[in-house]
């Protein structure tokens, strides 16, 4: 049997779901890459637009791009639909609010924290928000539907009604 025959025999109806560690590694790479690209885009746009408008444009575009990359590559869920984009955007907004609250909380506790304390607080809050966002995206937004997940592990039964000898019969075929 050649390789083409083996590939043809494999079940290609269901995309393979990557493991948690592989998904998380891709999540970090694509999220970080999008963040770096967004940073460069912000610098480029800030010469033509106000910083607030440039930041808004870059944030929206970066979130859309990151959601699509996460859907296709980190979670292998295919193309993200509009609902997934809204859910991922909402999770990004919650992460933003969380990091902002952490920074405001730090400044409420310490009037003039050192740059190391500020960066440590921000990075810790970003890490916690990122982990929570990853969990939400993996378990809620890009999770395989339960019906599809079960279909791969159990046999599909097709029922057909036939007429035999003047009587209706239900015939099941696996």
Protein backbone atom coordinates (compact mmCIF):
# COMPACT_ATOMS: atom_id res chain seq x y z
CA UNK A 1 0.00 0.00 0.00
CA UNK A 2 1.53 3.35 -0.97
CA UNK A 3 1.40 6.59 1.06
CA UNK A 4 -1.43 8.06 -1.00
CA UNK A 5 -3.63 5.07 -0.19
CA UNK A 6 -2.87 5.42 3.52
CA UNK A 7 -3.72 9.10 3.46
CA UNK A 8 -6.95 8.41 1.59
CA UNK A 9 -7.98 5.86 4.22
CA UNK A 10 -7.52 8.25 7.11
CA UNK A 11 -10.62 9.94 8.50
CA UNK A 12 -10.38 13.51 7.25
CA UNK A 13 -13.89 14.59 8.19
CA UNK A 14 -12.84 15.91 11.58
CA UNK A 15 -9.98 18.35 12.13
CA UNK A 16 -7.52 17.17 14.74
CA UNK A 17 -7.64 19.15 17.93
CA UNK A 18 -4.16 20.00 19.17
CA UNK A 19 -3.25 19.30 22.77
CA UNK A 20 -3.34 22.00 25.41
CA UNK A 21 0.42 22.63 25.43
CA UNK A 22 0.63 22.84 21.63
CA UNK A 23 -2.40 25.15 21.53
CA UNK A 24 -0.92 27.35 24.25
CA UNK A 25 2.45 27.57 22.49
CA UNK A 26 0.73 28.63 19.26
CA UNK A 27 -1.50 31.03 21.20
CA UNK A 28 1.59 32.73 22.65
CA UNK A 29 3.44 32.84 19.32
CA UNK A 30 0.52 34.20 17.30
CA UNK A 31 -0.66 36.53 20.04
CA UNK A 32 2.86 37.83 20.62
CA UNK A 33 3.53 38.18 16.91
CA UNK A 34 0.32 40.11 16.45
CA UNK A 35 1.26 42.31 19.40
CA UNK A 36 4.65 43.11 17.86
CA UNK A 37 3.05 43.84 14.47
CA UNK A 38 0.47 46.04 16.20
CA UNK A 39 3.23 47.95 17.94
CA UNK A 40 4.95 48.64 14.60
CA UNK A 41 1.64 49.63 13.01
CA UNK A 42 0.93 52.02 15.89
CA UNK A 43 4.24 53.78 15.36
CA UNK A 44 3.56 54.03 11.61
CA UNK A 45 0.01 55.32 12.03
CA UNK A 46 0.75 57.76 14.86
CA UNK A 47 2.51 60.04 12.37
CA UNK A 48 -0.74 60.38 10.39
CA UNK A 49 -3.45 60.07 13.07
CA UNK A 50 -3.82 61.10 16.68
CA UNK A 51 -2.39 58.49 19.04
CA UNK A 52 -5.87 57.68 20.41
CA UNK A 53 -7.34 57.04 16.95
CA UNK A 54 -4.25 55.13 15.80
CA UNK A 55 -4.39 52.98 18.94
CA UNK A 56 -8.10 52.24 18.42
CA UNK A 57 -7.55 51.25 14.77
CA UNK A 58 -4.55 49.06 15.61
CA UNK A 59 -6.32 47.45 18.57
CA UNK A 60 -9.39 46.49 16.52
CA UNK A 61 -7.35 45.28 13.53
CA UNK A 62 -4.91 43.41 15.77
CA UNK A 63 -7.71 41.70 17.68
CA UNK A 64 -9.41 40.60 14.45
CA UNK A 65 -6.12 39.27 13.06
CA UNK A 66 -5.19 37.50 16.31
CA UNK A 67 -8.65 35.90 16.56
CA UNK A 68 -8.39 34.55 13.03
CA UNK A 69 -4.87 33.22 13.66
CA UNK A 70 -5.89 31.65 16.97
CA UNK A 71 -8.93 30.02 15.38
CA UNK A 72 -7.07 28.59 12.41
CA UNK A 73 -3.72 27.69 13.92
CA UNK A 74 -3.70 27.70 17.74
CA UNK A 75 -7.02 25.87 18.13
CA UNK A 76 -7.41 24.43 14.61
CA UNK A 77 -11.09 25.33 14.54
CA UNK A 78 -11.08 26.63 10.96
CA UNK A 79 -12.11 30.12 10.02
CA UNK A 80 -13.55 32.20 12.87
CA UNK A 81 -17.16 33.27 12.45
CA UNK A 82 -18.60 36.60 13.55
CA UNK A 83 -19.71 35.20 16.92
CA UNK A 84 -16.16 33.99 17.64
CA UNK A 85 -14.75 37.41 16.73
CA UNK A 86 -17.16 39.13 19.12
CA UNK A 87 -16.43 36.66 21.92
CA UNK A 88 -12.67 36.97 21.43
CA UNK A 89 -12.97 40.75 21.27
CA UNK A 90 -14.95 40.70 24.50
CA UNK A 91 -12.28 38.57 26.17
CA UNK A 92 -9.62 41.04 24.98
CA UNK A 93 -11.67 43.89 26.48
CA UNK A 94 -11.93 42.02 29.81
CA UNK A 95 -8.17 41.43 29.76
CA UNK A 96 -7.62 45.15 29.15
CA UNK A 97 -9.90 46.05 32.06
CA UNK A 98 -8.08 43.55 34.30
CA UNK A 99 -4.61 44.94 33.53
CA UNK A 100 -5.88 48.51 33.89
CA UNK A 101 -7.42 47.67 37.28
CA UNK A 102 -4.14 46.08 38.38
CA UNK A 103 -2.21 49.21 37.45
CA UNK A 104 -4.77 51.53 39.08
CA UNK A 105 -4.72 49.31 42.18
CA UNK A 106 -0.92 49.51 42.32
CA UNK A 107 -1.01 53.31 42.13
CA UNK A 108 -3.70 53.43 44.81
CA UNK A 109 -1.47 51.42 47.16
CA UNK A 110 1.82 53.08 46.22
CA UNK A 111 1.90 56.73 45.18
CA UNK A 112 5.16 56.42 43.23
CA UNK A 113 6.08 52.77 42.54
CA UNK A 114 9.40 52.05 40.88
CA UNK A 115 9.51 51.16 37.22
CA UNK A 116 10.39 47.58 38.16
CA UNK A 117 7.32 47.29 40.40
CA UNK A 118 5.13 48.81 37.68
CA UNK A 119 6.47 46.46 35.02
CA UNK A 120 6.25 43.48 37.34
CA UNK A 121 2.64 44.31 38.18
CA UNK A 122 1.72 44.85 34.55
CA UNK A 123 3.45 41.68 33.35
CA UNK A 124 1.89 39.59 36.14
CA UNK A 125 -1.57 40.96 35.37
CA UNK A 126 -1.02 40.42 31.64
CA UNK A 127 0.07 36.84 32.29
CA UNK A 128 -2.99 36.07 34.40
CA UNK A 129 -5.26 37.76 31.84
CA UNK A 130 -3.57 35.87 29.01
CA UNK A 131 -4.01 32.51 30.75
CA UNK A 132 -7.67 33.28 31.45
CA UNK A 133 -8.18 34.41 27.87
CA UNK A 134 -6.52 31.24 26.53
CA UNK A 135 -8.76 29.07 28.71
CA UNK A 136 -11.88 30.96 27.61
CA UNK A 137 -10.99 30.77 23.92
CA UNK A 138 -10.06 27.07 24.11
CA UNK A 139 -13.00 25.92 26.23
CA UNK A 140 -15.79 28.22 25.07
CA UNK A 141 -15.07 30.04 21.81
CA UNK A 142 -13.13 27.48 19.76
CA UNK A 143 -14.16 24.27 21.52
CA UNK A 144 -15.37 21.47 19.26
CA UNK A 145 -19.16 21.19 19.39
CA UNK A 146 -20.22 18.28 21.61
CA UNK A 147 -22.20 16.60 18.83
CA UNK A 148 -19.20 16.59 16.50
CA UNK A 149 -16.86 15.39 19.23
CA UNK A 150 -19.14 12.44 20.00
CA UNK A 151 -19.63 11.58 16.32
CA UNK A 152 -15.96 10.72 15.95
CA UNK A 153 -16.00 8.26 18.84
CA UNK A 154 -19.26 6.41 18.19
CA UNK A 155 -20.71 4.73 15.13
CA UNK A 156 -23.24 6.66 13.11
CA UNK A 157 -26.51 4.82 12.63
CA UNK A 158 -28.76 5.53 9.68
CA UNK A 159 -32.39 4.46 9.98
CA UNK A 160 -34.53 3.85 6.91
CA UNK A 161 -38.19 2.93 6.74
CA UNK A 162 -38.91 0.27 4.14
CA UNK A 163 -41.99 -1.62 3.06
CA UNK A 164 -41.54 -5.39 3.04
CA UNK A 165 -44.32 -7.93 2.58
CA UNK A 166 -46.95 -5.27 3.06
CA UNK A 167 -45.56 -4.17 6.44
CA UNK A 168 -43.48 -1.17 7.42
CA UNK A 169 -40.11 -2.04 8.90
CA UNK A 170 -37.41 0.11 10.39
CA UNK A 171 -34.00 -0.90 9.09
CA UNK A 172 -30.88 0.36 10.82
CA UNK A 173 -27.51 0.38 9.15
CA UNK A 174 -24.25 1.30 10.83
